[in-house]
Amino acid sequence: MTTNEKSNQESFKVSGDEILSKIKEIIREGNARKVIIKNEKDEIIMEFPLTIGAIGVVLAPLFAAVGAIAALATDCTIVVEKRNVETEEK
């Protein structure tokens, strides 16, 4: 049996005041590998990996940074790279 891990991406357009709540929602879903935040010019302003088992204490600085971006940003795109695990029988 082998396990193939493939990823796909999903994008969300959000306003500055929605960024933090959307990031928290993505983390709660639990299948995200990486999150990228882009500004309205499609430039990456923040990129961070998400590890399995991350807890609130570890995520607190991340939320503070996202909150700072939210204060400065008007429209952003959140790109989520999600984990898809497929198992094959051999």
PDB file of N, CA and C in Angstrom:
ATOM      1  N   MET A   1       0.849  -1.170   0.000  1.00  0.00           N
ATOM      2  CA  MET A   1       0.000   0.000   0.000  1.00  0.00           C
ATOM      3  C   MET A   1       0.900   1.239   0.000  1.00  0.00           C
ATOM      4  N   THR A   2       0.602   2.197  -0.844  1.00  0.00           N
ATOM      5  CA  THR A   2       1.353   3.447  -0.877  1.00  0.00           C
ATOM      6  C   THR A   2       0.394   4.607  -0.677  1.00  0.00           C
ATOM      7  N   THR A   3       0.931   5.671  -0.150  1.00  0.00           N
ATOM      8  CA  THR A   3       0.129   6.868   0.072  1.00  0.00           C
ATOM      9  C   THR A   3       0.688   7.986  -0.784  1.00  0.00           C
ATOM     10  N   ASN A   4      -0.140   8.552  -1.621  1.00  0.00           N
ATOM     11  CA  ASN A   4       0.261   9.688  -2.450  1.00  0.00           C
ATOM     12  C   ASN A   4      -0.382  10.932  -1.881  1.00  0.00           C
ATOM     13  N   GLU A   5       0.433  11.922  -1.618  1.00  0.00           N
ATOM     14  CA  GLU A   5      -0.118  13.169  -1.113  1.00  0.00           C
ATOM     15  C   GLU A   5      -0.091  14.192  -2.227  1.00  0.00           C
ATOM     16  N   LYS A   6      -1.256  14.632  -2.617  1.00  0.00           N
ATOM     17  CA  LYS A   6      -1.387  15.660  -3.640  1.00  0.00           C
ATOM     18  C   LYS A   6      -1.971  16.887  -2.966  1.00  0.00           C
ATOM     19  N   SER A   7      -1.768  18.024  -3.590  1.00  0.00           N
ATOM     20  CA  SER A   7      -2.351  19.229  -3.004  1.00  0.00           C
ATOM     21  C   SER A   7      -3.139  19.973  -4.062  1.00  0.00           C
ATOM     22  N   ASN A   8      -4.095  20.730  -3.589  1.00  0.00           N
ATOM     23  CA  ASN A   8      -4.839  21.612  -4.466  1.00  0.00           C
ATOM     24  C   ASN A   8      -4.954  22.959  -3.775  1.00  0.00           C
ATOM     25  N   GLN A   9      -5.302  23.966  -4.520  1.00  0.00           N
ATOM     26  CA  GLN A   9      -5.380  25.302  -3.962  1.00  0.00           C
ATOM     27  C   GLN A   9      -6.796  25.843  -4.069  1.00  0.00           C
ATOM     28  N   GLU A  10      -7.131  26.638  -3.085  1.00  0.00           N
ATOM     29  CA  GLU A  10      -8.428  27.300  -3.042  1.00  0.00           C
ATOM     30  C   GLU A  10      -8.164  28.758  -2.680  1.00  0.00           C
ATOM     31  N   SER A  11      -8.874  29.682  -3.318  1.00  0.00           N
ATOM     32  CA  SER A  11      -8.673  31.113  -3.067  1.00  0.00           C
ATOM     33  C   SER A  11      -9.941  31.749  -2.524  1.00  0.00           C
ATOM     34  N   PHE A  12      -9.742  32.741  -1.662  1.00  0.00           N
ATOM     35  CA  PHE A  12     -10.854  33.498  -1.089  1.00  0.00           C
ATOM     36  C   PHE A  12     -10.532  34.980  -1.178  1.00  0.00           C
ATOM     37  N   LYS A  13     -11.432  35.774  -1.698  1.00  0.00           N
ATOM     38  CA  LYS A  13     -11.300  37.235  -1.689  1.00  0.00           C
ATOM     39  C   LYS A  13     -11.959  37.727  -0.415  1.00  0.00           C
ATOM     40  N   VAL A  14     -11.212  38.477   0.384  1.00  0.00           N
ATOM     41  CA  VAL A  14     -11.742  38.987   1.647  1.00  0.00           C
ATOM     42  C   VAL A  14     -11.326  40.435   1.834  1.00  0.00           C
ATOM     43  N   SER A  15     -12.087  41.144   2.646  1.00  0.00           N
ATOM     44  CA  SER A  15     -11.698  42.505   2.997  1.00  0.00           C
ATOM     45  C   SER A  15     -10.791  42.434   4.222  1.00  0.00           C
ATOM     46  N   GLY A  16     -10.133  43.534   4.518  1.00  0.00           N
ATOM     47  CA  GLY A  16      -9.177  43.574   5.618  1.00  0.00           C
ATOM     48  C   GLY A  16      -9.745  43.113   6.946  1.00  0.00           C
ATOM     49  N   ASP A  17     -10.984  43.471   7.233  1.00  0.00           N
ATOM     50  CA  ASP A  17     -11.559  43.099   8.527  1.00  0.00           C
ATOM     51  C   ASP A  17     -12.029  41.647   8.585  1.00  0.00           C
ATOM     52  N   GLU A  18     -12.020  40.938   7.460  1.00  0.00           N
ATOM     53  CA  GLU A  18     -12.436  39.534   7.427  1.00  0.00           C
ATOM     54  C   GLU A  18     -11.264  38.563   7.442  1.00  0.00           C
ATOM     55  N   ILE A  19     -10.048  39.074   7.287  1.00  0.00           N
ATOM     56  CA  ILE A  19      -8.879  38.200   7.132  1.00  0.00           C
ATOM     57  C   ILE A  19      -8.707  37.269   8.324  1.00  0.00           C
ATOM     58  N   LEU A  20      -8.659  37.821   9.512  1.00  0.00           N
ATOM     59  CA  LEU A  20      -8.373  37.015  10.699  1.00  0.00           C
ATOM     60  C   LEU A  20      -9.419  35.933  10.923  1.00  0.00           C
ATOM     61  N   SER A  21     -10.682  36.254  10.771  1.00  0.00           N
ATOM     62  CA  SER A  21     -11.716  35.237  10.983  1.00  0.00           C
ATOM     63  C   SER A  21     -11.626  34.133   9.928  1.00  0.00           C
ATOM     64  N   LYS A  22     -11.291  34.489   8.694  1.00  0.00           N
ATOM     65  CA  LYS A  22     -11.159  33.476   7.636  1.00  0.00           C
ATOM     66  C   LYS A  22      -9.960  32.566   7.894  1.00  0.00           C
ATOM     67  N   ILE A  23      -8.835  33.141   8.347  1.00  0.00           N
ATOM     68  CA  ILE A  23      -7.653  32.334   8.672  1.00  0.00           C
ATOM     69  C   ILE A  23      -7.987  31.352   9.799  1.00  0.00           C
ATOM     70  N   LYS A  24      -8.677  31.816  10.826  1.00  0.00           N
ATOM     71  CA  LYS A  24      -9.056  30.929  11.927  1.00  0.00           C
ATOM     72  C   LYS A  24      -9.966  29.803  11.441  1.00  0.00           C
ATOM     73  N   GLU A  25     -10.881  30.120  10.547  1.00  0.00           N
ATOM     74  CA  GLU A  25     -11.780  29.102   9.980  1.00  0.00           C
ATOM     75  C   GLU A  25     -10.980  28.055   9.207  1.00  0.00           C
ATOM     76  N   ILE A  26     -10.016  28.505   8.415  1.00  0.00           N
ATOM     77  CA  ILE A  26      -9.176  27.596   7.620  1.00  0.00           C
ATOM     78  C   ILE A  26      -8.390  26.663   8.542  1.00  0.00           C
ATOM     79  N   ILE A  27      -7.847  27.201   9.620  1.00  0.00           N
ATOM     80  CA  ILE A  27      -7.076  26.390  10.562  1.00  0.00           C
ATOM     81  C   ILE A  27      -7.976  25.366  11.246  1.00  0.00           C
ATOM     82  N   ARG A  28      -9.195  25.759  11.609  1.00  0.00           N
ATOM     83  CA  ARG A  28     -10.136  24.825  12.253  1.00  0.00           C
ATOM     84  C   ARG A  28     -10.483  23.659  11.340  1.00  0.00           C
ATOM     85  N   GLU A  29     -10.561  23.900  10.019  1.00  0.00           N
ATOM     86  CA  GLU A  29     -10.885  22.820   9.079  1.00  0.00           C
ATOM     87  C   GLU A  29      -9.827  21.730   9.114  1.00  0.00           C
ATOM     88  N   GLY A  30      -8.577  22.099   9.336  1.00  0.00           N
ATOM     89  CA  GLY A  30      -7.524  21.126   9.575  1.00  0.00           C
ATOM     90  C   GLY A  30      -6.867  20.474   8.380  1.00  0.00           C
ATOM     91  N   ASN A  31      -7.243  20.791   7.162  1.00  0.00           N
ATOM     92  CA  ASN A  31      -6.612  20.129   6.023  1.00  0.00           C
ATOM     93  C   ASN A  31      -5.738  21.067   5.194  1.00  0.00           C
ATOM     94  N   ALA A  32      -5.404  22.217   5.750  1.00  0.00           N
ATOM     95  CA  ALA A  32      -4.559  23.176   5.024  1.00  0.00           C
ATOM     96  C   ALA A  32      -3.087  22.903   5.315  1.00  0.00           C
ATOM     97  N   ARG A  33      -2.273  22.968   4.290  1.00  0.00           N
ATOM     98  CA  ARG A  33      -0.828  22.803   4.432  1.00  0.00           C
ATOM     99  C   ARG A  33      -0.128  24.146   4.506  1.00  0.00           C
ATOM    100  N   LYS A  34      -0.616  25.093   3.699  1.00  0.00           N
ATOM    101  CA  LYS A  34       0.030  26.388   3.619  1.00  0.00           C
ATOM    102  C   LYS A  34      -1.021  27.444   3.330  1.00  0.00           C
ATOM    103  N   VAL A  35      -0.807  28.649   3.874  1.00  0.00           N
ATOM    104  CA  VAL A  35      -1.698  29.768   3.627  1.00  0.00           C
ATOM    105  C   VAL A  35      -0.859  30.922   3.091  1.00  0.00           C
ATOM    106  N   ILE A  36      -1.345  31.547   2.031  1.00  0.00           N
ATOM    107  CA  ILE A  36      -0.675  32.688   1.413  1.00  0.00           C
ATOM    108  C   ILE A  36      -1.664  33.844   1.395  1.00  0.00           C
ATOM    109  N   ILE A  37      -1.224  35.010   1.834  1.00  0.00           N
ATOM    110  CA  ILE A  37      -2.071  36.205   1.785  1.00  0.00           C
ATOM    111  C   ILE A  37      -1.473  37.146   0.759  1.00  0.00           C
ATOM    112  N   LYS A  38      -2.298  37.542  -0.202  1.00  0.00           N
ATOM    113  CA  LYS A  38      -1.863  38.463  -1.260  1.00  0.00           C
ATOM    114  C   LYS A  38      -2.646  39.761  -1.165  1.00  0.00           C
ATOM    115  N   ASN A  39      -2.015  40.853  -1.558  1.00  0.00           N
ATOM    116  CA  ASN A  39      -2.708  42.144  -1.552  1.00  0.00           C
ATOM    117  C   ASN A  39      -3.500  42.315  -2.841  1.00  0.00           C
ATOM    118  N   GLU A  40      -4.125  43.487  -2.993  1.00  0.00           N
ATOM    119  CA  GLU A  40      -4.959  43.734  -4.173  1.00  0.00           C
ATOM    120  C   GLU A  40      -4.168  43.766  -5.473  1.00  0.00           C
ATOM    121  N   LYS A  41      -2.830  43.922  -5.390  1.00  0.00           N
ATOM    122  CA  LYS A  41      -1.972  43.894  -6.581  1.00  0.00           C
ATOM    123  C   LYS A  41      -1.460  42.489  -6.874  1.00  0.00           C
ATOM    124  N   ASP A  42      -1.985  41.486  -6.155  1.00  0.00           N
ATOM    125  CA  ASP A  42      -1.614  40.076  -6.293  1.00  0.00           C
ATOM    126  C   ASP A  42      -0.175  39.808  -5.858  1.00  0.00           C
ATOM    127  N   GLU A  43       0.361  40.644  -4.964  1.00  0.00           N
ATOM    128  CA  GLU A  43       1.697  40.445  -4.410  1.00  0.00           C
ATOM    129  C   GLU A  43       1.568  39.699  -3.086  1.00  0.00           C
ATOM    130  N   ILE A  44       2.440  38.741  -2.866  1.00  0.00           N
ATOM    131  CA  ILE A  44       2.415  37.982  -1.614  1.00  0.00           C
ATOM    132  C   ILE A  44       2.897  38.891  -0.483  1.00  0.00           C
ATOM    133  N   ILE A  45       2.063  39.038   0.542  1.00  0.00           N
ATOM    134  CA  ILE A  45       2.463  39.842   1.689  1.00  0.00           C
ATOM    135  C   ILE A  45       2.732  38.984   2.920  1.00  0.00           C
ATOM    136  N   MET A  46       2.250  37.743   2.900  1.00  0.00           N
ATOM    137  CA  MET A  46       2.524  36.818   3.993  1.00  0.00           C
ATOM    138  C   MET A  46       2.288  35.405   3.510  1.00  0.00           C
ATOM    139  N   GLU A  47       3.154  34.502   3.948  1.00  0.00           N
ATOM    140  CA  GLU A  47       3.019  33.089   3.585  1.00  0.00           C
ATOM    141  C   GLU A  47       3.480  32.273   4.784  1.00  0.00           C
ATOM    142  N   PHE A  48       2.690  31.290   5.178  1.00  0.00           N
ATOM    143  CA  PHE A  48       3.088  30.473   6.316  1.00  0.00           C
ATOM    144  C   PHE A  48       2.546  29.057   6.171  1.00  0.00           C
ATOM    145  N   PRO A  49       3.356  28.084   6.612  1.00  0.00           N
ATOM    146  CA  PRO A  49       2.904  26.687   6.600  1.00  0.00           C
ATOM    147  C   PRO A  49       2.076  26.409   7.844  1.00  0.00           C
ATOM    148  N   LEU A  50       1.181  25.466   7.743  1.00  0.00           N
ATOM    149  CA  LEU A  50       0.404  25.014   8.895  1.00  0.00           C
ATOM    150  C   LEU A  50       0.786  23.569   9.163  1.00  0.00           C
ATOM    151  N   THR A  51       1.151  23.281  10.393  1.00  0.00           N
ATOM    152  CA  THR A  51       1.529  21.923  10.750  1.00  0.00           C
ATOM    153  C   THR A  51       0.395  21.258  11.498  1.00  0.00           C
ATOM    154  N   ILE A  52       0.343  19.964  11.385  1.00  0.00           N
ATOM    155  CA  ILE A  52      -0.671  19.194  12.107  1.00  0.00           C
ATOM    156  C   ILE A  52      -0.382  19.318  13.598  1.00  0.00           C
ATOM    157  N   GLY A  53      -1.399  19.581  14.370  1.00  0.00           N
ATOM    158  CA  GLY A  53      -1.247  19.659  15.814  1.00  0.00           C
ATOM    159  C   GLY A  53      -0.836  21.026  16.330  1.00  0.00           C
ATOM    160  N   ALA A  54      -0.872  22.043  15.492  1.00  0.00           N
ATOM    161  CA  ALA A  54      -0.555  23.399  15.966  1.00  0.00           C
ATOM    162  C   ALA A  54      -1.580  23.803  17.015  1.00  0.00           C
ATOM    163  N   ILE A  55      -1.099  24.417  18.087  1.00  0.00           N
ATOM    164  CA  ILE A  55      -1.997  24.808  19.174  1.00  0.00           C
ATOM    165  C   ILE A  55      -2.028  26.318  19.307  1.00  0.00           C
ATOM    166  N   GLY A  56      -2.958  26.807  20.113  1.00  0.00           N
ATOM    167  CA  GLY A  56      -3.171  28.243  20.269  1.00  0.00           C
ATOM    168  C   GLY A  56      -1.933  29.031  20.619  1.00  0.00           C
ATOM    169  N   VAL A  57      -1.090  28.521  21.514  1.00  0.00           N
ATOM    170  CA  VAL A  57       0.120  29.240  21.929  1.00  0.00           C
ATOM    171  C   VAL A  57       1.052  29.441  20.739  1.00  0.00           C
ATOM    172  N   VAL A  58       1.145  28.433  19.892  1.00  0.00           N
ATOM    173  CA  VAL A  58       1.999  28.527  18.700  1.00  0.00           C
ATOM    174  C   VAL A  58       1.384  29.480  17.684  1.00  0.00           C
ATOM    175  N   LEU A  59       0.068  29.501  17.588  1.00  0.00           N
ATOM    176  CA  LEU A  59      -0.613  30.307  16.585  1.00  0.00           C
ATOM    177  C   LEU A  59      -0.807  31.760  16.996  1.00  0.00           C
ATOM    178  N   ALA A  60      -0.660  32.087  18.265  1.00  0.00           N
ATOM    179  CA  ALA A  60      -0.896  33.454  18.741  1.00  0.00           C
ATOM    180  C   ALA A  60      -0.055  34.501  17.995  1.00  0.00           C
ATOM    181  N   PRO A  61       1.261  34.296  17.815  1.00  0.00           N
ATOM    182  CA  PRO A  61       2.042  35.291  17.054  1.00  0.00           C
ATOM    183  C   PRO A  61       1.575  35.401  15.604  1.00  0.00           C
ATOM    184  N   LEU A  62       1.158  34.291  15.031  1.00  0.00           N
ATOM    185  CA  LEU A  62       0.644  34.294  13.666  1.00  0.00           C
ATOM    186  C   LEU A  62      -0.619  35.147  13.580  1.00  0.00           C
ATOM    187  N   PHE A  63      -1.532  34.978  14.539  1.00  0.00           N
ATOM    188  CA  PHE A  63      -2.759  35.767  14.547  1.00  0.00           C
ATOM    189  C   PHE A  63      -2.462  37.251  14.728  1.00  0.00           C
ATOM    190  N   ALA A  64      -1.453  37.565  15.527  1.00  0.00           N
ATOM    191  CA  ALA A  64      -1.073  38.977  15.717  1.00  0.00           C
ATOM    192  C   ALA A  64      -0.565  39.572  14.404  1.00  0.00           C
ATOM    193  N   ALA A  65       0.242  38.808  13.667  1.00  0.00           N
ATOM    194  CA  ALA A  65       0.752  39.287  12.380  1.00  0.00           C
ATOM    195  C   ALA A  65      -0.371  39.455  11.366  1.00  0.00           C
ATOM    196  N   VAL A  66      -1.280  38.504  11.325  1.00  0.00           N
ATOM    197  CA  VAL A  66      -2.417  38.598  10.404  1.00  0.00           C
ATOM    198  C   VAL A  66      -3.285  39.791  10.780  1.00  0.00           C
ATOM    199  N   GLY A  67      -3.452  40.033  12.076  1.00  0.00           N
ATOM    200  CA  GLY A  67      -4.217  41.186  12.532  1.00  0.00           C
ATOM    201  C   GLY A  67      -3.589  42.498  12.092  1.00  0.00           C
ATOM    202  N   ALA A  68      -2.260  42.568  12.119  1.00  0.00           N
ATOM    203  CA  ALA A  68      -1.555  43.773  11.661  1.00  0.00           C
ATOM    204  C   ALA A  68      -1.771  43.983  10.167  1.00  0.00           C
ATOM    205  N   ILE A  69      -1.740  42.922   9.407  1.00  0.00           N
ATOM    206  CA  ILE A  69      -2.000  43.014   7.967  1.00  0.00           C
ATOM    207  C   ILE A  69      -3.435  43.488   7.732  1.00  0.00           C
ATOM    208  N   ALA A  70      -4.356  42.948   8.507  1.00  0.00           N
ATOM    209  CA  ALA A  70      -5.768  43.314   8.359  1.00  0.00           C
ATOM    210  C   ALA A  70      -5.978  44.808   8.590  1.00  0.00           C
ATOM    211  N   ALA A  71      -5.209  45.383   9.518  1.00  0.00           N
ATOM    212  CA  ALA A  71      -5.345  46.805   9.805  1.00  0.00           C
ATOM    213  C   ALA A  71      -4.890  47.669   8.634  1.00  0.00           C
ATOM    214  N   LEU A  72      -3.956  47.162   7.842  1.00  0.00           N
ATOM    215  CA  LEU A  72      -3.398  47.924   6.728  1.00  0.00           C
ATOM    216  C   LEU A  72      -4.039  47.611   5.379  1.00  0.00           C
ATOM    217  N   ALA A  73      -4.610  46.437   5.250  1.00  0.00           N
ATOM    218  CA  ALA A  73      -5.105  45.975   3.959  1.00  0.00           C
ATOM    219  C   ALA A  73      -6.564  46.355   3.745  1.00  0.00           C
ATOM    220  N   THR A  74      -6.915  46.545   2.494  1.00  0.00           N
ATOM    221  CA  THR A  74      -8.319  46.777   2.160  1.00  0.00           C
ATOM    222  C   THR A  74      -8.919  45.503   1.574  1.00  0.00           C
ATOM    223  N   ASP A  75      -8.392  45.045   0.467  1.00  0.00           N
ATOM    224  CA  ASP A  75      -8.852  43.803  -0.149  1.00  0.00           C
ATOM    225  C   ASP A  75      -7.683  42.854  -0.290  1.00  0.00           C
ATOM    226  N   CYS A  76      -7.892  41.610   0.102  1.00  0.00           N
ATOM    227  CA  CYS A  76      -6.840  40.607   0.034  1.00  0.00           C
ATOM    228  C   CYS A  76      -7.391  39.325  -0.577  1.00  0.00           C
ATOM    229  N   THR A  77      -6.467  38.504  -1.011  1.00  0.00           N
ATOM    230  CA  THR A  77      -6.807  37.159  -1.453  1.00  0.00           C
ATOM    231  C   THR A  77      -6.065  36.193  -0.546  1.00  0.00           C
ATOM    232  N   ILE A  78      -6.781  35.238  -0.006  1.00  0.00           N
ATOM    233  CA  ILE A  78      -6.162  34.184   0.796  1.00  0.00           C
ATOM    234  C   ILE A  78      -6.124  32.941  -0.074  1.00  0.00           C
ATOM    235  N   VAL A  79      -4.930  32.408  -0.300  1.00  0.00           N
ATOM    236  CA  VAL A  79      -4.755  31.185  -1.072  1.00  0.00           C
ATOM    237  C   VAL A  79      -4.419  30.078  -0.084  1.00  0.00           C
ATOM    238  N   VAL A  80      -5.183  29.010  -0.117  1.00  0.00           N
ATOM    239  CA  VAL A  80      -4.987  27.896   0.798  1.00  0.00           C
ATOM    240  C   VAL A  80      -4.553  26.688  -0.004  1.00  0.00           C
ATOM    241  N   GLU A  81      -3.383  26.154   0.342  1.00  0.00           N
ATOM    242  CA  GLU A  81      -2.935  24.914  -0.271  1.00  0.00           C
ATOM    243  C   GLU A  81      -3.396  23.798   0.646  1.00  0.00           C
ATOM    244  N   LYS A  82      -4.279  22.941   0.123  1.00  0.00           N
ATOM    245  CA  LYS A  82      -4.872  21.895   0.944  1.00  0.00           C
ATOM    246  C   LYS A  82      -4.226  20.551   0.674  1.00  0.00           C
ATOM    247  N   ARG A  83      -4.303  19.709   1.662  1.00  0.00           N
ATOM    248  CA  ARG A  83      -3.720  18.383   1.619  1.00  0.00           C
ATOM    249  C   ARG A  83      -4.791  17.388   1.178  1.00  0.00           C
ATOM    250  N   ASN A  84      -4.481  16.584   0.179  1.00  0.00           N
ATOM    251  CA  ASN A  84      -5.338  15.486  -0.255  1.00  0.00           C
ATOM    252  C   ASN A  84      -4.497  14.225  -0.215  1.00  0.00           C
ATOM    253  N   VAL A  85      -4.887  13.272   0.596  1.00  0.00           N
ATOM    254  CA  VAL A  85      -4.125  12.034   0.695  1.00  0.00           C
ATOM    255  C   VAL A  85      -4.903  10.926   0.000  1.00  0.00           C
ATOM    256  N   GLU A  86      -4.227  10.256  -0.902  1.00  0.00           N
ATOM    257  CA  GLU A  86      -4.831   9.135  -1.627  1.00  0.00           C
ATOM    258  C   GLU A  86      -4.046   7.878  -1.285  1.00  0.00           C
ATOM    259  N   THR A  87      -4.737   6.794  -1.073  1.00  0.00           N
ATOM    260  CA  THR A  87      -4.088   5.530  -0.742  1.00  0.00           C
ATOM    261  C   THR A  87      -4.322   4.560  -1.897  1.00  0.00           C
ATOM    262  N   GLU A  88      -3.228   3.907  -2.328  1.00  0.00           N
ATOM    263  CA  GLU A  88      -3.321   2.922  -3.405  1.00  0.00           C
ATOM    264  C   GLU A  88      -2.942   1.559  -2.864  1.00  0.00           C
ATOM    265  N   GLU A  89      -3.652   0.554  -3.275  1.00  0.00           N
ATOM    266  CA  GLU A  89      -3.314  -0.831  -2.935  1.00  0.00           C
ATOM    267  C   GLU A  89      -2.387  -1.357  -4.010  1.00  0.00           C
ATOM    268  N   LYS A  90      -1.317  -2.032  -3.627  1.00  0.00           N
ATOM    269  CA  LYS A  90      -0.402  -2.639  -4.615  1.00  0.00           C
ATOM    270  C   LYS A  90      -0.303  -4.118  -4.376  1.00  0.00           C
TER     271      LYS A  90
END
